[in-house]
Amino acid sequence: MILNQKHADLLNEQVAAGLRGDFQRGWQIAEELKSVAPLCRKAAFNRGWYEMNRGDLLAGLRCLDNGRWEKVFGDQPLPTTKPIYRNEDLRGKNLLLCGEGGLGDEILNIRFAQNFAEKGAQVTVTCDPSLMSVFARVPGVASVVAHRAAPDVFHDYWVPAMSAGSVLNTTYESLRGSTYLSVDREYDRKWQQIVSTKFRSEDLKLGLRFYGNSNFEQDSLRRFSPESLIQTLNGRPWVNLQKEETDLPMQSWEDTLGLLNQLDLVITSCTSVAHASAALGKETWVLVPIMPYYPWAQPGSTSGWYNSVRIFRQKTIGSWQAVFAEVHEALNERNPYYDR
């Protein structure tokens, strides 16, 4: 649908409202656009975040699916003649769950393999090659292939992973926030030895991650000063979870999970490491911009997606000082005594 100038102006105003935290105005515009431009997929996609913010996960997920047509959500369709699963009987059927988006998106949505397996499907997952061994251990996953092999995998149905929640009619009430990633024993032993040299037995074992993929469309909104976060630690020891910057031997996702599993607390911006840590069930504090990515859209300090997450929310676009002050206070409550 080609928008007229009035509708385009409303969309721009809605984006501006969201970025300044005026979600009431953003929702008003979503309602107006639904009335005057009901076929506009971009408007429907924008509405998705607000539906989630107002507590309706399923409506939000269905709206987000419209973003595929605007090339702002998910990946290109799988070249297959087989249908996307739409609540058919899966007993004895082969289902291909196609990972898509960034690595964080793939980690977020691999959880749904278990839901399809519980319906009787033999679930094959496609993913980034770096995640194959990790995803092979996820409950419900029968086999894993790299993305490039997806068209050649036999299947009766397929599901684009970022739409899996929608296909499964997932609500905040039915969403599972429990652990679904696990650590390879060899890597667990490796990192237990390494981390033991970084902390004393009485230390709170902290890991920090400051930023993610710079190619992410809204990366600038989630970035903050690493030095400002480090200052909140008040001298506590910590390990750097930036794979490209740390002096630790982090070669793979297996290494990352092995390291995360040794930590007591992970503090991070909205990154793939945040999803990995939370999916492991580790205590994870996520610092998010004023209008965060959709898993963090529901108000409050918790997330239905992960039981182990605590969210620290930016109050003013471009300013993180209030967030760091909250982290500092929470850290003192979590670990009140410290004397290096």
Protein backbone atom coordinates (compact mmCIF):
# COMPACT_ATOMS: atom_id res chain seq x y z
CA MET A 1 0.00 0.00 0.00
CA ILE A 2 1.34 3.44 -0.99
CA LEU A 3 0.86 5.91 1.85
CA ASN A 4 -0.31 9.44 1.33
CA GLN A 5 1.66 12.23 2.99
CA LYS A 6 -0.68 12.45 5.99
CA HIS A 7 -0.21 8.77 6.82
CA ALA A 8 3.55 9.02 6.31
CA ASP A 9 3.66 12.00 8.66
CA LEU A 10 1.72 10.02 11.28
CA LEU A 11 4.21 7.18 11.06
CA ASN A 12 7.10 9.59 11.52
CA GLU A 13 5.36 11.20 14.48
CA GLN A 14 4.77 7.78 16.00
CA VAL A 15 8.45 6.91 15.79
CA ALA A 16 9.37 10.23 17.38
CA ALA A 17 6.82 9.70 20.15
CA GLY A 18 8.20 6.26 20.93
CA LEU A 19 11.78 7.49 21.08
CA ARG A 20 10.88 10.13 23.63
CA GLY A 21 8.88 7.64 25.68
CA ASP A 22 5.45 9.05 24.89
CA PHE A 23 3.82 5.66 24.42
CA GLN A 24 0.34 7.08 24.95
CA ARG A 25 0.70 9.23 21.85
CA GLY A 26 2.32 6.34 19.98
CA TRP A 27 -0.69 4.15 20.73
CA GLN A 28 -3.12 6.88 19.71
CA ILE A 29 -1.41 7.07 16.33
CA ALA A 30 -1.49 3.27 16.03
CA GLU A 31 -5.26 3.36 16.57
CA GLU A 32 -5.70 6.19 14.08
CA LEU A 33 -3.63 4.43 11.42
CA LYS A 34 -5.57 1.22 11.92
CA SER A 35 -8.71 3.17 11.10
CA VAL A 36 -7.48 5.29 8.19
CA ALA A 37 -4.86 2.93 6.70
CA PRO A 38 -5.92 -0.63 7.64
CA LEU A 39 -3.93 -2.22 4.80
CA CYS A 40 -0.65 -0.47 5.59
CA ARG A 41 1.82 -3.15 6.62
CA LYS A 42 4.32 -0.66 8.00
CA ALA A 43 1.67 0.78 10.30
CA ALA A 44 0.67 -2.71 11.39
CA PHE A 45 4.30 -3.60 12.08
CA ASN A 46 4.78 -0.48 14.22
CA ARG A 47 1.59 -1.32 16.10
CA GLY A 48 3.08 -4.66 17.17
CA TRP A 49 5.43 -3.13 19.73
CA TYR A 50 2.58 -1.14 21.28
CA GLU A 51 0.35 -4.22 21.51
CA MET A 52 3.09 -5.94 23.49
CA ASN A 53 3.66 -2.86 25.61
CA ARG A 54 -0.04 -2.96 26.49
CA GLY A 55 0.11 -6.63 27.45
CA ASP A 56 -1.09 -8.47 24.32
CA LEU A 57 1.84 -10.56 23.10
CA LEU A 58 -0.05 -12.53 20.48
CA ALA A 59 -1.57 -9.47 18.83
CA GLY A 60 1.89 -7.91 18.85
CA LEU A 61 3.55 -10.91 17.24
CA ARG A 62 0.92 -11.03 14.53
CA CYS A 63 1.46 -7.36 13.81
CA LEU A 64 5.23 -7.80 13.65
CA ASP A 65 4.81 -10.40 10.92
CA ASN A 66 3.75 -7.56 8.62
CA GLY A 67 7.33 -6.31 8.77
CA ARG A 68 8.43 -9.14 6.49
CA TRP A 69 6.83 -7.34 3.56
CA GLU A 70 8.73 -4.18 4.51
CA LYS A 71 12.01 -6.11 4.95
CA VAL A 72 12.32 -4.99 8.56
CA PHE A 73 11.48 -8.30 10.27
CA GLY A 74 12.90 -11.76 9.68
CA ASP A 75 14.48 -13.10 6.51
CA GLN A 76 13.39 -14.00 3.00
CA PRO A 77 10.96 -16.94 2.69
CA LEU A 78 12.37 -20.43 2.35
CA PRO A 79 12.34 -21.59 -1.31
CA THR A 80 10.01 -24.54 -0.76
CA THR A 81 6.69 -25.84 -2.03
CA LYS A 82 5.77 -27.06 1.46
CA PRO A 83 3.41 -24.94 3.58
CA ILE A 84 4.06 -22.97 6.72
CA TYR A 85 2.58 -24.84 9.68
CA ARG A 86 -0.92 -23.60 10.53
CA ASN A 87 -2.13 -25.80 13.39
CA GLU A 88 -2.23 -29.06 11.42
CA ASP A 89 -1.71 -32.43 13.14
CA LEU A 90 2.07 -32.76 13.55
CA ARG A 91 2.19 -36.34 14.79
CA GLY A 92 4.73 -38.17 12.67
CA LYS A 93 5.49 -35.08 10.59
CA ASN A 94 8.80 -33.37 9.89
CA LEU A 95 8.92 -29.67 10.69
CA LEU A 96 11.71 -27.29 9.66
CA LEU A 97 12.18 -24.40 12.09
CA CYS A 98 14.19 -21.78 10.21
CA GLY A 99 16.26 -19.49 12.38
CA GLU A 100 16.41 -15.89 11.17
CA GLY A 101 17.34 -12.35 12.14
CA GLY A 102 20.42 -11.77 14.26
CA LEU A 103 22.09 -14.29 16.54
CA GLY A 104 20.07 -12.95 19.47
CA ASP A 105 16.85 -13.56 17.52
CA GLU A 106 17.95 -17.11 16.78
CA ILE A 107 18.67 -17.76 20.46
CA LEU A 108 15.39 -16.14 21.53
CA ASN A 109 13.22 -18.23 19.23
CA ILE A 110 14.93 -21.64 19.35
CA ARG A 111 12.84 -22.19 22.49
CA PHE A 112 9.81 -22.93 20.31
CA ALA A 113 11.35 -26.17 18.99
CA GLN A 114 10.11 -27.83 22.17
CA ASN A 115 6.54 -26.66 21.54
CA PHE A 116 6.50 -28.21 18.09
CA ALA A 117 8.09 -31.43 19.36
CA GLU A 118 5.40 -31.68 22.01
CA LYS A 119 2.85 -31.62 19.18
CA GLY A 120 4.49 -34.72 17.75
CA ALA A 121 6.83 -33.18 15.16
CA GLN A 122 10.35 -34.26 14.32
CA VAL A 123 11.99 -30.83 14.45
CA THR A 124 14.97 -29.88 12.32
CA VAL A 125 16.44 -26.45 13.04
CA THR A 126 18.36 -24.21 10.66
CA CYS A 127 20.72 -21.69 12.19
CA ASP A 128 23.96 -19.79 11.88
CA PRO A 129 26.81 -22.36 11.75
CA SER A 130 28.30 -20.92 14.94
CA LEU A 131 25.21 -21.98 16.90
CA MET A 132 24.76 -25.51 15.53
CA SER A 133 26.33 -27.48 18.37
CA VAL A 134 24.57 -25.34 20.99
CA PHE A 135 21.14 -25.72 19.40
CA ALA A 136 21.60 -29.49 19.04
CA ARG A 137 21.17 -29.70 22.83
CA VAL A 138 17.96 -27.63 23.00
CA PRO A 139 14.89 -29.63 24.13
CA GLY A 140 12.74 -30.65 21.17
CA VAL A 141 15.49 -30.38 18.55
CA ALA A 142 16.02 -33.60 16.59
CA SER A 143 18.67 -32.30 14.20
CA VAL A 144 20.41 -29.08 13.16
CA VAL A 145 21.65 -27.81 9.81
CA ALA A 146 23.27 -24.58 8.67
CA HIS A 147 21.04 -22.03 6.96
CA ARG A 148 22.50 -22.73 3.55
CA ALA A 149 21.36 -26.38 3.74
CA ALA A 150 17.75 -25.54 4.61
CA PRO A 151 16.19 -25.90 1.12
CA ASP A 152 17.51 -29.47 0.84
CA VAL A 153 16.16 -30.74 4.17
CA PHE A 154 13.07 -32.92 3.88
CA HIS A 155 10.08 -31.43 5.65
CA ASP A 156 6.29 -31.56 5.66
CA TYR A 157 5.93 -28.07 7.15
CA TRP A 158 8.21 -25.18 7.92
CA VAL A 159 8.10 -22.16 10.23
CA PRO A 160 10.17 -18.95 10.10
CA ALA A 161 11.43 -18.84 13.68
CA MET A 162 10.58 -15.19 14.35
CA SER A 163 6.96 -16.09 13.56
CA ALA A 164 6.95 -19.26 15.66
CA GLY A 165 5.36 -17.52 18.65
CA SER A 166 2.57 -16.21 16.43
CA VAL A 167 2.01 -19.59 14.74
CA LEU A 168 1.76 -21.23 18.17
CA ASN A 169 -0.73 -18.59 19.42
CA THR A 170 1.64 -17.64 22.23
CA THR A 171 0.48 -15.22 24.90
CA TYR A 172 2.36 -13.76 27.85
CA GLU A 173 0.48 -16.26 29.99
CA SER A 174 1.60 -19.28 27.94
CA LEU A 175 5.13 -18.05 27.16
CA ARG A 176 7.78 -20.11 28.92
CA GLY A 177 10.60 -18.21 30.56
CA SER A 178 12.49 -21.25 31.82
CA THR A 179 16.01 -22.38 30.89
CA TYR A 180 16.52 -24.06 27.52
CA LEU A 181 20.22 -23.68 26.70
CA SER A 182 22.85 -25.91 28.30
CA VAL A 183 26.63 -26.11 28.51
CA ASP A 184 28.89 -28.78 27.06
CA ARG A 185 30.71 -30.55 29.92
CA GLU A 186 34.13 -30.13 28.34
CA TYR A 187 33.69 -26.38 28.04
CA ASP A 188 32.20 -26.17 31.51
CA ARG A 189 35.36 -27.74 32.97
CA LYS A 190 37.60 -25.55 30.82
CA TRP A 191 35.99 -22.32 31.97
CA GLN A 192 35.67 -23.36 35.58
CA GLN A 193 39.46 -23.53 35.71
CA ILE A 194 39.94 -20.21 33.89
CA VAL A 195 37.40 -18.24 35.91
CA SER A 196 38.75 -19.55 39.20
CA THR A 197 41.93 -17.56 38.49
CA LYS A 198 39.98 -14.32 37.95
CA PHE A 199 38.00 -14.15 41.19
CA ARG A 200 38.40 -14.95 44.84
CA SER A 201 35.99 -17.49 46.31
CA GLU A 202 34.05 -14.73 48.09
CA ASP A 203 33.76 -12.47 45.02
CA LEU A 204 30.57 -11.93 43.09
CA LYS A 205 31.55 -13.30 39.69
CA LEU A 206 30.53 -10.56 37.25
CA GLY A 207 30.53 -10.45 33.48
CA LEU A 208 29.96 -7.28 31.41
CA ARG A 209 28.88 -6.87 27.81
CA PHE A 210 28.71 -3.30 26.54
CA TYR A 211 27.46 -3.46 22.96
CA GLY A 212 26.40 -5.81 20.18
CA ASN A 213 26.40 -5.88 16.39
CA SER A 214 26.98 -2.39 15.01
CA ASN A 215 25.00 -3.34 11.89
CA PHE A 216 21.80 -3.55 13.89
CA GLU A 217 19.46 -0.80 12.64
CA GLN A 218 18.97 0.78 16.06
CA ASP A 219 22.40 0.03 17.48
CA SER A 220 23.13 3.66 18.32
CA LEU A 221 20.10 3.78 20.62
CA ARG A 222 21.26 0.87 22.77
CA ARG A 223 24.92 1.95 23.08
CA PHE A 224 26.31 3.50 26.24
CA SER A 225 29.70 4.33 27.72
CA PRO A 226 31.55 1.19 28.92
CA GLU A 227 33.42 3.33 31.44
CA SER A 228 30.17 4.51 33.02
CA LEU A 229 28.99 0.95 33.55
CA ILE A 230 32.36 -0.11 34.95
CA GLN A 231 32.16 2.74 37.48
CA THR A 232 28.96 1.27 38.90
CA LEU A 233 30.93 -1.78 40.04
CA ASN A 234 32.79 0.24 42.67
CA GLY A 235 35.97 -1.75 42.16
CA ARG A 236 34.45 -5.20 41.98
CA PRO A 237 36.33 -7.57 39.65
CA TRP A 238 34.68 -8.49 36.38
CA VAL A 239 35.35 -10.28 33.12
CA ASN A 240 34.88 -8.79 29.68
CA LEU A 241 32.28 -10.62 27.56
CA GLN A 242 33.18 -8.69 24.40
CA LYS A 243 34.63 -11.61 22.45
CA GLU A 244 36.55 -9.32 20.13
CA GLU A 245 38.14 -7.35 22.97
CA THR A 246 38.71 -9.70 25.89
CA ASP A 247 41.97 -11.41 26.79
CA LEU A 248 40.02 -14.58 27.55
CA PRO A 249 40.20 -17.49 25.04
CA MET A 250 36.67 -17.12 23.68
CA GLN A 251 36.67 -18.89 20.33
CA SER A 252 33.07 -20.01 19.93
CA TRP A 253 29.56 -19.95 21.34
CA GLU A 254 30.49 -23.05 23.31
CA ASP A 255 33.19 -20.96 24.99
CA THR A 256 30.74 -18.15 25.63
CA LEU A 257 28.25 -20.48 27.30
CA GLY A 258 31.00 -22.15 29.29
CA LEU A 259 32.15 -18.78 30.59
CA LEU A 260 28.64 -17.52 31.31
CA ASN A 261 27.90 -20.63 33.31
CA GLN A 262 30.67 -19.78 35.79
CA LEU A 263 29.33 -16.31 36.52
CA ASP A 264 26.93 -15.17 39.22
CA LEU A 265 25.65 -12.14 37.34
CA VAL A 266 25.79 -10.83 33.78
CA ILE A 267 25.18 -7.13 33.09
CA THR A 268 24.71 -6.28 29.44
CA SER A 269 23.07 -4.10 26.86
CA CYS A 270 20.50 -5.70 24.53
CA THR A 271 22.79 -8.21 22.79
CA SER A 272 22.90 -11.86 21.77
CA VAL A 273 24.88 -12.50 24.96
CA ALA A 274 21.93 -11.18 26.97
CA HIS A 275 19.73 -13.82 25.34
CA ALA A 276 22.31 -16.57 25.78
CA SER A 277 22.86 -15.76 29.45
CA ALA A 278 19.14 -15.57 30.18
CA ALA A 279 18.40 -18.76 28.22
CA LEU A 280 21.01 -20.50 30.40
CA GLY A 281 19.07 -19.36 33.43
CA LYS A 282 21.87 -17.10 34.65
CA GLU A 283 20.94 -13.94 36.54
CA THR A 284 21.01 -11.35 33.78
CA TRP A 285 20.56 -7.59 34.02
CA VAL A 286 19.70 -6.03 30.67
CA LEU A 287 20.08 -2.28 30.09
CA VAL A 288 17.63 -1.21 27.40
CA PRO A 289 16.90 2.04 25.54
CA ILE A 290 13.70 3.96 26.15
CA MET A 291 11.93 2.11 23.32
CA PRO A 292 13.56 -1.31 23.49
CA TYR A 293 13.52 -4.36 21.23
CA TYR A 294 10.26 -6.30 21.35
CA PRO A 295 11.20 -8.97 23.97
CA TRP A 296 11.54 -6.12 26.46
CA ALA A 297 8.42 -4.20 25.36
CA GLN A 298 6.18 -5.24 28.25
CA PRO A 299 6.55 -2.66 31.06
CA GLY A 300 8.29 -3.48 34.31
CA SER A 301 11.62 -4.88 35.41
CA THR A 302 10.92 -8.48 34.40
CA SER A 303 10.35 -10.26 31.10
CA GLY A 304 7.97 -13.07 30.25
CA TRP A 305 10.61 -14.37 27.84
CA TYR A 306 13.17 -15.16 30.56
CA ASN A 307 12.64 -15.84 34.25
CA SER A 308 16.21 -14.85 35.13
CA VAL A 309 16.18 -11.36 33.58
CA ARG A 310 15.96 -8.01 35.32
CA ILE A 311 15.46 -5.01 33.05
CA PHE A 312 16.88 -1.53 33.65
CA ARG A 313 15.09 0.97 31.43
CA GLN A 314 16.32 4.24 30.02
CA LYS A 315 14.05 7.17 30.94
CA THR A 316 15.31 9.80 28.49
CA ILE A 317 16.67 9.16 25.02
CA GLY A 318 20.43 9.60 24.88
CA SER A 319 20.86 9.64 28.67
CA TRP A 320 22.00 6.58 30.60
CA GLN A 321 22.98 8.16 33.92
CA ALA A 322 19.73 7.27 35.68
CA VAL A 323 20.11 3.69 34.48
CA PHE A 324 23.66 3.47 35.83
CA ALA A 325 22.47 4.90 39.16
CA GLU A 326 19.82 2.16 39.37
CA VAL A 327 22.37 -0.51 38.51
CA HIS A 328 24.74 0.84 41.16
CA GLU A 329 22.01 0.72 43.81
CA ALA A 330 20.83 -2.74 42.76
CA LEU A 331 24.38 -4.07 42.79
CA ASN A 332 24.94 -2.79 46.31
CA GLU A 333 21.75 -4.55 47.38
CA ARG A 334 22.77 -7.72 45.57
CA ASN A 335 26.35 -7.67 46.90
CA PRO A 336 26.42 -5.16 49.79
CA TYR A 337 29.89 -5.80 51.17
CA TYR A 338 32.97 -5.54 49.04
CA ASP A 339 36.62 -5.14 50.02
CA ARG A 340 39.18 -6.06 47.41
